[in-house]
């Protein structure tokens, strides 16, 4: 099970930190992902992180602004989002192989 939180309404240029609490599986063994879906678009991959946290990868549109991280001791996944833009507005979901979070809304005003 995954529970997303941390979304909100912010102005362009602001920062937000999303969190995802994991339970019911071996979090420290799982590759983890953040996805997002804007209205009228398909859900797309934002970033992923290896089970140990040493390897990360980002969509080109967020590279250099977003940072994915994890705390395996706390079964937590994070997405630090800086320099937010209106085009980052979307519902953000954490994901592992078998589970999706419920999503958290991020709205960036210009």
C-alpha atoms as a PDB file:
ATOM      1  CA  UNK A   1       0.000   0.000   0.000  1.00  0.00           C
ATOM      2  CA  UNK A   2       1.178   3.527  -0.835  1.00  0.00           C
ATOM      3  CA  UNK A   3      -0.109   6.816   0.564  1.00  0.00           C
ATOM      4  CA  UNK A   4       0.853  10.060  -1.171  1.00  0.00           C
ATOM      5  CA  UNK A   5       0.829  13.444   0.521  1.00  0.00           C
ATOM      6  CA  UNK A   6       2.323  16.922   0.348  1.00  0.00           C
ATOM      7  CA  UNK A   7       0.614  18.461  -2.636  1.00  0.00           C
ATOM      8  CA  UNK A   8      -0.866  21.935  -2.666  1.00  0.00           C
ATOM      9  CA  UNK A   9      -1.369  25.244  -4.444  1.00  0.00           C
ATOM     10  CA  UNK A  10       1.780  27.311  -4.910  1.00  0.00           C
ATOM     11  CA  UNK A  11       3.029  30.138  -7.085  1.00  0.00           C
ATOM     12  CA  UNK A  12       5.510  29.644  -9.875  1.00  0.00           C
ATOM     13  CA  UNK A  13       9.043  29.437  -8.546  1.00  0.00           C
ATOM     14  CA  UNK A  14       8.034  27.902  -5.246  1.00  0.00           C
ATOM     15  CA  UNK A  15       8.980  24.518  -3.843  1.00  0.00           C
ATOM     16  CA  UNK A  16       7.016  21.534  -2.578  1.00  0.00           C
ATOM     17  CA  UNK A  17       8.024  18.209  -1.093  1.00  0.00           C
ATOM     18  CA  UNK A  18       5.858  15.203  -1.780  1.00  0.00           C
ATOM     19  CA  UNK A  19       5.933  12.169   0.461  1.00  0.00           C
ATOM     20  CA  UNK A  20       4.836   8.586  -0.037  1.00  0.00           C
ATOM     21  CA  UNK A  21       4.414   6.225   2.896  1.00  0.00           C
ATOM     22  CA  UNK A  22       4.784   2.556   2.013  1.00  0.00           C
ATOM     23  CA  UNK A  23       3.489  -0.488   3.847  1.00  0.00           C
ATOM     24  CA  UNK A  24       2.711  -4.122   3.219  1.00  0.00           C
ATOM     25  CA  UNK A  25       5.759  -4.991   1.160  1.00  0.00           C
ATOM     26  CA  UNK A  26       9.527  -4.979   1.472  1.00  0.00           C
ATOM     27  CA  UNK A  27      10.139  -1.334   0.649  1.00  0.00           C
ATOM     28  CA  UNK A  28      13.920  -1.594   0.779  1.00  0.00           C
ATOM     29  CA  UNK A  29      13.855  -4.117  -2.069  1.00  0.00           C
ATOM     30  CA  UNK A  30      11.565  -2.131  -4.340  1.00  0.00           C
ATOM     31  CA  UNK A  31      12.303   0.140  -7.242  1.00  0.00           C
ATOM     32  CA  UNK A  32      10.141   3.226  -6.698  1.00  0.00           C
ATOM     33  CA  UNK A  33       8.638   5.735  -9.098  1.00  0.00           C
ATOM     34  CA  UNK A  34       6.874   9.078  -9.197  1.00  0.00           C
ATOM     35  CA  UNK A  35       4.359   9.637 -11.973  1.00  0.00           C
ATOM     36  CA  UNK A  36       2.118  12.576 -12.771  1.00  0.00           C
ATOM     37  CA  UNK A  37      -1.033  13.156 -14.768  1.00  0.00           C
ATOM     38  CA  UNK A  38      -2.282  16.520 -15.925  1.00  0.00           C
ATOM     39  CA  UNK A  39      -5.897  16.985 -17.066  1.00  0.00           C
ATOM     40  CA  UNK A  40      -6.454  15.558 -20.516  1.00  0.00           C
ATOM     41  CA  UNK A  41      -3.083  13.830 -20.661  1.00  0.00           C
ATOM     42  CA  UNK A  42      -1.742  10.357 -20.023  1.00  0.00           C
ATOM     43  CA  UNK A  43       0.056   9.511 -16.812  1.00  0.00           C
ATOM     44  CA  UNK A  44       3.778   9.958 -17.329  1.00  0.00           C
ATOM     45  CA  UNK A  45       6.937   9.003 -15.476  1.00  0.00           C
ATOM     46  CA  UNK A  46       8.598  11.810 -13.529  1.00  0.00           C
ATOM     47  CA  UNK A  47      11.440   9.998 -11.776  1.00  0.00           C
ATOM     48  CA  UNK A  48      12.558   6.645 -10.408  1.00  0.00           C
ATOM     49  CA  UNK A  49      15.006   5.507  -7.766  1.00  0.00           C
ATOM     50  CA  UNK A  50      16.775   2.209  -7.191  1.00  0.00           C
ATOM     51  CA  UNK A  51      16.043   0.127  -4.120  1.00  0.00           C
ATOM     52  CA  UNK A  52      19.116   1.377  -2.298  1.00  0.00           C
ATOM     53  CA  UNK A  53      18.767   4.933  -3.506  1.00  0.00           C
ATOM     54  CA  UNK A  54      22.078   5.093  -5.320  1.00  0.00           C
ATOM     55  CA  UNK A  55      20.612   5.351  -8.800  1.00  0.00           C
ATOM     56  CA  UNK A  56      18.025   7.884  -9.920  1.00  0.00           C
ATOM     57  CA  UNK A  57      16.615   9.003 -13.233  1.00  0.00           C
ATOM     58  CA  UNK A  58      14.380  11.894 -14.283  1.00  0.00           C
ATOM     59  CA  UNK A  59      12.168  13.012 -17.090  1.00  0.00           C
ATOM     60  CA  UNK A  60      13.832  15.729 -19.097  1.00  0.00           C
ATOM     61  CA  UNK A  61      11.211  18.289 -18.144  1.00  0.00           C
ATOM     62  CA  UNK A  62      12.059  18.054 -14.427  1.00  0.00           C
ATOM     63  CA  UNK A  63      15.768  17.291 -14.481  1.00  0.00           C
ATOM     64  CA  UNK A  64      17.701  19.772 -12.370  1.00  0.00           C
ATOM     65  CA  UNK A  65      14.561  20.945 -10.537  1.00  0.00           C
ATOM     66  CA  UNK A  66      13.177  17.777  -8.917  1.00  0.00           C
ATOM     67  CA  UNK A  67      14.965  15.323  -6.643  1.00  0.00           C
ATOM     68  CA  UNK A  68      13.699  11.858  -5.794  1.00  0.00           C
ATOM     69  CA  UNK A  69      14.919  10.267  -2.574  1.00  0.00           C
ATOM     70  CA  UNK A  70      13.993   7.550  -0.117  1.00  0.00           C
ATOM     71  CA  UNK A  71      14.434   6.585   3.500  1.00  0.00           C
ATOM     72  CA  UNK A  72      14.355   2.815   3.715  1.00  0.00           C
ATOM     73  CA  UNK A  73      14.447   2.891   7.515  1.00  0.00           C
ATOM     74  CA  UNK A  74      11.139   4.790   7.495  1.00  0.00           C
ATOM     75  CA  UNK A  75       9.590   3.181   4.382  1.00  0.00           C
ATOM     76  CA  UNK A  76       9.275   6.625   2.839  1.00  0.00           C
ATOM     77  CA  UNK A  77       9.688   7.970  -0.680  1.00  0.00           C
ATOM     78  CA  UNK A  78      10.064  11.686  -1.414  1.00  0.00           C
ATOM     79  CA  UNK A  79       9.978  14.086  -4.329  1.00  0.00           C
ATOM     80  CA  UNK A  80      11.523  17.498  -3.723  1.00  0.00           C
ATOM     81  CA  UNK A  81      10.210  19.887  -6.343  1.00  0.00           C
ATOM     82  CA  UNK A  82      11.939  23.241  -6.776  1.00  0.00           C
ATOM     83  CA  UNK A  83      11.426  26.104  -9.228  1.00  0.00           C
ATOM     84  CA  UNK A  84       7.909  24.900  -9.930  1.00  0.00           C
ATOM     85  CA  UNK A  85       6.267  25.947 -13.175  1.00  0.00           C
ATOM     86  CA  UNK A  86       2.590  26.092 -14.161  1.00  0.00           C
ATOM     87  CA  UNK A  87       3.201  23.145 -16.482  1.00  0.00           C
ATOM     88  CA  UNK A  88       4.075  21.038 -13.428  1.00  0.00           C
ATOM     89  CA  UNK A  89       0.415  21.191 -12.406  1.00  0.00           C
ATOM     90  CA  UNK A  90      -0.832  17.608 -12.158  1.00  0.00           C
ATOM     91  CA  UNK A  91      -1.841  14.828  -9.819  1.00  0.00           C
ATOM     92  CA  UNK A  92       1.331  13.130  -8.620  1.00  0.00           C
ATOM     93  CA  UNK A  93       1.416   9.411  -7.822  1.00  0.00           C
ATOM     94  CA  UNK A  94       4.031   7.220  -6.242  1.00  0.00           C
ATOM     95  CA  UNK A  95       4.274   3.719  -7.596  1.00  0.00           C
ATOM     96  CA  UNK A  96       5.980   0.414  -7.118  1.00  0.00           C
ATOM     97  CA  UNK A  97       5.622  -2.765  -9.140  1.00  0.00           C
ATOM     98  CA  UNK A  98       2.253  -3.765  -7.730  1.00  0.00           C
ATOM     99  CA  UNK A  99       0.850  -0.635  -6.141  1.00  0.00           C
ATOM    100  CA  UNK A 100      -0.127   2.944  -6.898  1.00  0.00           C
ATOM    101  CA  UNK A 101      -0.634   5.706  -4.391  1.00  0.00           C
ATOM    102  CA  UNK A 102      -3.947   7.531  -4.425  1.00  0.00           C
ATOM    103  CA  UNK A 103      -2.354  10.680  -5.822  1.00  0.00           C
ATOM    104  CA  UNK A 104      -1.771  14.177  -4.500  1.00  0.00           C
ATOM    105  CA  UNK A 105      -2.714  17.336  -6.402  1.00  0.00           C
ATOM    106  CA  UNK A 106      -0.046  19.903  -7.225  1.00  0.00           C
ATOM    107  CA  UNK A 107      -1.237  23.195  -8.676  1.00  0.00           C
ATOM    108  CA  UNK A 108       1.220  25.885  -9.718  1.00  0.00           C
ATOM    109  CA  UNK A 109      -0.162  29.325 -10.482  1.00  0.00           C
ATOM    110  CA  UNK A 110       1.582  31.809 -12.758  1.00  0.00           C
END
